[in-house]
């Protein structure tokens, strides 16, 4: 051990490692948190639109957003099939505005 060396007290480290409130709730209740599922209203409020999308359409949207975020990755032009899917999805979204 080195003489004259004093170890610094770590203050606040217990705050870094304490469980979050959600974890405490799960431990206390014994249940698992699931995302709240709410039914789709028959008619959305006047300032909102509701559009039903298939899993494939959601994936097309996610891929398009990813391409917008990182345009330098991959090719700049979509394939013919991707282009047609994007166009049909675009038209479906525009039709929902009417």
N, C-alpha and C. Protein backbone atom coordinates (compact mmCIF):
# COMPACT_ATOMS: atom_id res chain seq x y z
N UNK A 1 0.83 -1.17 0.00
CA UNK A 1 0.00 0.00 0.00
C UNK A 1 0.89 1.24 0.00
N UNK A 2 0.46 2.22 -0.73
CA UNK A 2 1.22 3.47 -0.83
C UNK A 2 0.89 4.37 0.35
N UNK A 3 1.94 4.92 0.93
CA UNK A 3 1.72 5.85 2.03
C UNK A 3 1.30 7.20 1.48
N UNK A 4 0.37 7.84 2.15
CA UNK A 4 -0.08 9.15 1.73
C UNK A 4 -1.16 9.12 0.66
N UNK A 5 -1.49 7.93 0.18
CA UNK A 5 -2.54 7.83 -0.84
C UNK A 5 -3.88 7.61 -0.15
N UNK A 6 -4.82 8.47 -0.41
CA UNK A 6 -6.14 8.35 0.20
C UNK A 6 -7.15 8.05 -0.90
N UNK A 7 -7.91 7.04 -0.70
CA UNK A 7 -8.94 6.66 -1.66
C UNK A 7 -10.10 7.64 -1.56
N UNK A 8 -10.55 8.13 -2.70
CA UNK A 8 -11.67 9.08 -2.73
C UNK A 8 -12.97 8.34 -2.50
N UNK A 9 -13.85 8.96 -1.76
CA UNK A 9 -15.17 8.39 -1.53
C UNK A 9 -16.03 8.61 -2.78
N UNK A 10 -16.68 7.57 -3.19
CA UNK A 10 -17.59 7.68 -4.34
C UNK A 10 -18.96 8.10 -3.81
N UNK A 11 -19.35 9.28 -4.17
CA UNK A 11 -20.65 9.77 -3.72
C UNK A 11 -21.63 9.69 -4.87
N UNK A 12 -22.81 9.23 -4.58
CA UNK A 12 -23.84 9.16 -5.59
C UNK A 12 -23.83 7.89 -6.41
N UNK A 13 -22.84 7.01 -6.18
CA UNK A 13 -22.79 5.79 -6.98
C UNK A 13 -23.98 4.89 -6.69
N UNK A 14 -24.50 4.94 -5.45
CA UNK A 14 -25.67 4.13 -5.15
C UNK A 14 -26.87 4.57 -5.99
N UNK A 15 -26.90 5.83 -6.39
CA UNK A 15 -27.97 6.35 -7.24
C UNK A 15 -27.88 5.76 -8.64
N UNK A 16 -26.66 5.50 -9.10
CA UNK A 16 -26.48 4.94 -10.44
C UNK A 16 -26.98 3.51 -10.53
N UNK A 17 -26.90 2.79 -9.44
CA UNK A 17 -27.21 1.36 -9.48
C UNK A 17 -28.52 0.99 -8.83
N UNK A 18 -29.32 1.98 -8.44
CA UNK A 18 -30.61 1.64 -7.84
C UNK A 18 -31.59 1.25 -8.94
N UNK A 19 -32.51 0.35 -8.65
CA UNK A 19 -33.49 -0.06 -9.67
C UNK A 19 -34.42 1.10 -10.03
N UNK A 20 -34.89 1.07 -11.26
CA UNK A 20 -35.84 2.09 -11.68
C UNK A 20 -37.21 1.77 -11.10
N UNK A 21 -38.10 2.75 -11.16
CA UNK A 21 -39.43 2.55 -10.59
C UNK A 21 -40.18 1.42 -11.26
N UNK A 22 -40.03 1.29 -12.58
CA UNK A 22 -40.73 0.23 -13.30
C UNK A 22 -40.26 -1.14 -12.83
N UNK A 23 -38.96 -1.28 -12.60
CA UNK A 23 -38.44 -2.56 -12.11
C UNK A 23 -38.95 -2.84 -10.71
N UNK A 24 -39.02 -1.79 -9.88
CA UNK A 24 -39.53 -1.97 -8.53
C UNK A 24 -40.98 -2.40 -8.56
N UNK A 25 -41.77 -1.82 -9.46
CA UNK A 25 -43.18 -2.19 -9.57
C UNK A 25 -43.32 -3.65 -9.99
N UNK A 26 -42.49 -4.09 -10.95
CA UNK A 26 -42.56 -5.47 -11.41
C UNK A 26 -42.20 -6.44 -10.28
N UNK A 27 -41.19 -6.09 -9.49
CA UNK A 27 -40.78 -6.95 -8.40
C UNK A 27 -41.85 -7.01 -7.32
N UNK A 28 -42.46 -5.87 -7.04
CA UNK A 28 -43.47 -5.81 -5.99
C UNK A 28 -44.77 -6.50 -6.39
N UNK A 29 -45.20 -6.29 -7.61
CA UNK A 29 -46.49 -6.84 -8.03
C UNK A 29 -46.37 -8.28 -8.53
N UNK A 30 -45.19 -8.68 -8.97
CA UNK A 30 -45.01 -10.02 -9.48
C UNK A 30 -45.56 -10.20 -10.88
N UNK A 31 -46.04 -9.14 -11.49
CA UNK A 31 -46.57 -9.25 -12.84
C UNK A 31 -45.60 -8.64 -13.83
N UNK A 32 -45.79 -8.97 -15.07
CA UNK A 32 -44.95 -8.46 -16.14
C UNK A 32 -45.69 -7.32 -16.82
N UNK A 33 -45.00 -6.20 -17.05
CA UNK A 33 -45.63 -5.08 -17.74
C UNK A 33 -45.78 -5.40 -19.22
N UNK A 34 -46.96 -5.20 -19.73
CA UNK A 34 -47.23 -5.34 -21.15
C UNK A 34 -47.65 -3.97 -21.67
N UNK A 35 -47.33 -3.67 -22.92
CA UNK A 35 -47.79 -2.38 -23.44
C UNK A 35 -49.31 -2.33 -23.39
N UNK A 36 -49.82 -1.16 -23.09
CA UNK A 36 -51.26 -1.00 -23.01
C UNK A 36 -51.85 -1.10 -24.41
N UNK A 37 -52.79 -1.98 -24.56
CA UNK A 37 -53.46 -2.17 -25.85
C UNK A 37 -54.82 -1.52 -25.74
N UNK A 38 -55.09 -0.61 -26.65
CA UNK A 38 -56.39 0.04 -26.66
C UNK A 38 -57.08 -0.28 -27.98
N UNK A 39 -58.38 -0.44 -27.95
CA UNK A 39 -59.08 -0.73 -29.20
C UNK A 39 -59.05 0.48 -30.13
N UNK A 40 -59.09 0.20 -31.41
CA UNK A 40 -59.13 1.27 -32.40
C UNK A 40 -60.54 1.85 -32.38
N UNK A 41 -60.65 3.16 -32.23
CA UNK A 41 -61.99 3.74 -32.19
C UNK A 41 -62.69 3.58 -33.54
N UNK A 42 -64.01 3.54 -33.49
CA UNK A 42 -64.78 3.40 -34.72
C UNK A 42 -64.51 4.58 -35.65
N UNK A 43 -64.34 5.74 -35.07
CA UNK A 43 -64.05 6.93 -35.86
C UNK A 43 -63.06 7.78 -35.09
N UNK A 44 -61.93 8.13 -35.72
CA UNK A 44 -60.95 8.94 -35.00
C UNK A 44 -61.46 10.37 -34.80
N UNK A 45 -60.86 11.09 -33.86
CA UNK A 45 -61.22 12.49 -33.67
C UNK A 45 -61.00 13.28 -34.97
N UNK A 46 -61.66 14.42 -35.13
CA UNK A 46 -61.58 15.16 -36.40
C UNK A 46 -60.17 15.58 -36.81
N UNK A 47 -59.27 15.78 -35.84
CA UNK A 47 -57.92 16.23 -36.20
C UNK A 47 -56.95 15.07 -36.43
N UNK A 48 -57.42 13.81 -36.32
CA UNK A 48 -56.57 12.64 -36.52
C UNK A 48 -57.13 11.76 -37.62
N UNK A 49 -56.27 10.94 -38.18
CA UNK A 49 -56.69 9.97 -39.19
C UNK A 49 -56.27 8.59 -38.73
N UNK A 50 -57.07 7.61 -39.03
CA UNK A 50 -56.76 6.23 -38.70
C UNK A 50 -56.62 5.44 -39.99
N UNK A 51 -55.50 4.75 -40.13
CA UNK A 51 -55.24 3.96 -41.32
C UNK A 51 -54.80 2.57 -40.87
N UNK A 52 -55.45 1.55 -41.36
CA UNK A 52 -55.06 0.18 -41.02
C UNK A 52 -53.96 -0.26 -41.99
N UNK A 53 -52.84 -0.72 -41.40
CA UNK A 53 -51.71 -1.15 -42.21
C UNK A 53 -51.40 -2.61 -41.90
N UNK A 54 -50.99 -3.33 -42.92
CA UNK A 54 -50.55 -4.70 -42.73
C UNK A 54 -49.12 -4.69 -42.20
N UNK A 55 -48.64 -5.84 -41.77
CA UNK A 55 -47.25 -5.93 -41.30
C UNK A 55 -46.29 -5.59 -42.43
N UNK A 56 -46.61 -6.02 -43.64
CA UNK A 56 -45.76 -5.72 -44.79
C UNK A 56 -45.69 -4.23 -45.07
N UNK A 57 -46.83 -3.54 -44.95
CA UNK A 57 -46.85 -2.09 -45.18
C UNK A 57 -46.06 -1.34 -44.11
N UNK A 58 -46.17 -1.82 -42.88
CA UNK A 58 -45.39 -1.20 -41.81
C UNK A 58 -43.91 -1.40 -42.06
N UNK A 59 -43.51 -2.58 -42.54
CA UNK A 59 -42.11 -2.84 -42.85
C UNK A 59 -41.62 -1.96 -43.98
N UNK A 60 -42.47 -1.74 -45.01
CA UNK A 60 -42.11 -0.85 -46.11
C UNK A 60 -41.88 0.56 -45.59
N UNK A 61 -42.76 1.04 -44.70
CA UNK A 61 -42.59 2.37 -44.11
C UNK A 61 -41.31 2.45 -43.28
N UNK A 62 -41.05 1.42 -42.48
CA UNK A 62 -39.83 1.41 -41.65
C UNK A 62 -38.59 1.43 -42.53
N UNK A 63 -38.59 0.65 -43.61
CA UNK A 63 -37.45 0.65 -44.53
C UNK A 63 -37.27 2.01 -45.20
N UNK A 64 -38.38 2.64 -45.58
CA UNK A 64 -38.31 3.95 -46.22
C UNK A 64 -37.75 5.00 -45.27
N UNK A 65 -38.18 4.96 -44.02
CA UNK A 65 -37.67 5.92 -43.03
C UNK A 65 -36.18 5.66 -42.79
N UNK A 66 -35.79 4.40 -42.72
CA UNK A 66 -34.37 4.06 -42.54
C UNK A 66 -33.54 4.60 -43.70
N UNK A 67 -34.07 4.47 -44.91
CA UNK A 67 -33.36 4.97 -46.09
C UNK A 67 -33.27 6.50 -46.06
N UNK A 68 -34.33 7.15 -45.58
CA UNK A 68 -34.28 8.62 -45.46
C UNK A 68 -33.26 9.06 -44.42
N UNK A 69 -33.15 8.31 -43.33
CA UNK A 69 -32.20 8.66 -42.29
C UNK A 69 -30.76 8.47 -42.76
N UNK A 70 -30.52 7.42 -43.53
CA UNK A 70 -29.17 7.08 -43.97
C UNK A 70 -29.15 6.87 -45.48
N UNK A 71 -29.28 7.94 -46.26
CA UNK A 71 -29.38 7.79 -47.71
C UNK A 71 -28.10 7.28 -48.37
N UNK A 72 -26.96 7.43 -47.72
CA UNK A 72 -25.70 7.01 -48.33
C UNK A 72 -25.54 5.49 -48.33
N UNK A 73 -26.28 4.78 -47.48
CA UNK A 73 -26.17 3.33 -47.42
C UNK A 73 -27.09 2.70 -48.46
N UNK A 74 -26.58 1.71 -49.18
CA UNK A 74 -27.39 1.01 -50.16
C UNK A 74 -27.54 1.83 -51.43
N UNK A 75 -28.36 1.33 -52.32
CA UNK A 75 -28.56 2.04 -53.58
C UNK A 75 -29.51 3.22 -53.37
N UNK A 76 -29.40 4.20 -54.23
CA UNK A 76 -30.25 5.38 -54.11
C UNK A 76 -31.63 5.16 -54.69
N UNK A 77 -31.78 4.21 -55.58
CA UNK A 77 -33.07 3.97 -56.21
C UNK A 77 -33.64 2.64 -55.74
N UNK A 78 -34.94 2.62 -55.40
CA UNK A 78 -35.54 1.35 -55.00
C UNK A 78 -35.74 0.44 -56.21
N UNK A 79 -35.85 -0.86 -55.95
CA UNK A 79 -36.15 -1.80 -57.02
C UNK A 79 -37.56 -1.52 -57.54
N UNK A 80 -37.91 -2.12 -58.65
CA UNK A 80 -39.23 -1.90 -59.24
C UNK A 80 -40.32 -2.38 -58.27
N UNK A 81 -40.11 -3.55 -57.66
CA UNK A 81 -41.10 -4.06 -56.70
C UNK A 81 -41.24 -3.11 -55.50
N UNK A 82 -40.11 -2.65 -54.96
CA UNK A 82 -40.16 -1.72 -53.83
C UNK A 82 -40.83 -0.42 -54.23
N UNK A 83 -40.53 0.04 -55.43
CA UNK A 83 -41.13 1.28 -55.91
C UNK A 83 -42.65 1.14 -55.99
N UNK A 84 -43.13 0.02 -56.51
CA UNK A 84 -44.58 -0.20 -56.63
C UNK A 84 -45.23 -0.31 -55.24
N UNK A 85 -44.56 -0.98 -54.29
CA UNK A 85 -45.11 -1.07 -52.93
C UNK A 85 -45.15 0.30 -52.27
N UNK A 86 -44.10 1.08 -52.45
CA UNK A 86 -44.08 2.43 -51.89
C UNK A 86 -45.17 3.30 -52.49
N UNK A 87 -45.37 3.18 -53.79
CA UNK A 87 -46.39 3.99 -54.45
C UNK A 87 -47.79 3.60 -53.99
N UNK A 88 -48.07 2.31 -53.84
CA UNK A 88 -49.40 1.90 -53.38
C UNK A 88 -49.62 2.33 -51.94
N UNK A 89 -48.58 2.27 -51.12
CA UNK A 89 -48.71 2.72 -49.74
C UNK A 89 -48.89 4.23 -49.68
N UNK A 90 -48.17 4.97 -50.52
CA UNK A 90 -48.34 6.41 -50.58
C UNK A 90 -49.76 6.78 -50.96
N UNK A 91 -50.31 6.07 -51.94
CA UNK A 91 -51.68 6.34 -52.37
C UNK A 91 -52.68 6.00 -51.28
N UNK A 92 -52.44 4.92 -50.55
CA UNK A 92 -53.33 4.54 -49.44
C UNK A 92 -53.33 5.62 -48.37
N UNK A 93 -52.16 6.16 -48.06
CA UNK A 93 -52.06 7.21 -47.05
C UNK A 93 -52.73 8.50 -47.53
N UNK A 94 -52.55 8.83 -48.81
CA UNK A 94 -53.19 10.03 -49.35
C UNK A 94 -54.71 9.87 -49.38
N UNK A 95 -55.19 8.69 -49.71
CA UNK A 95 -56.63 8.43 -49.71
C UNK A 95 -57.24 8.58 -48.32
N UNK A 96 -56.43 8.31 -47.28
CA UNK A 96 -56.93 8.45 -45.91
C UNK A 96 -57.13 9.91 -45.53
N UNK A 97 -56.51 10.84 -46.26
CA UNK A 97 -56.68 12.26 -45.97
C UNK A 97 -58.04 12.77 -46.42
N UNK A 98 -58.65 12.10 -47.36
CA UNK A 98 -59.94 12.57 -47.91
C UNK A 98 -61.09 12.28 -46.98
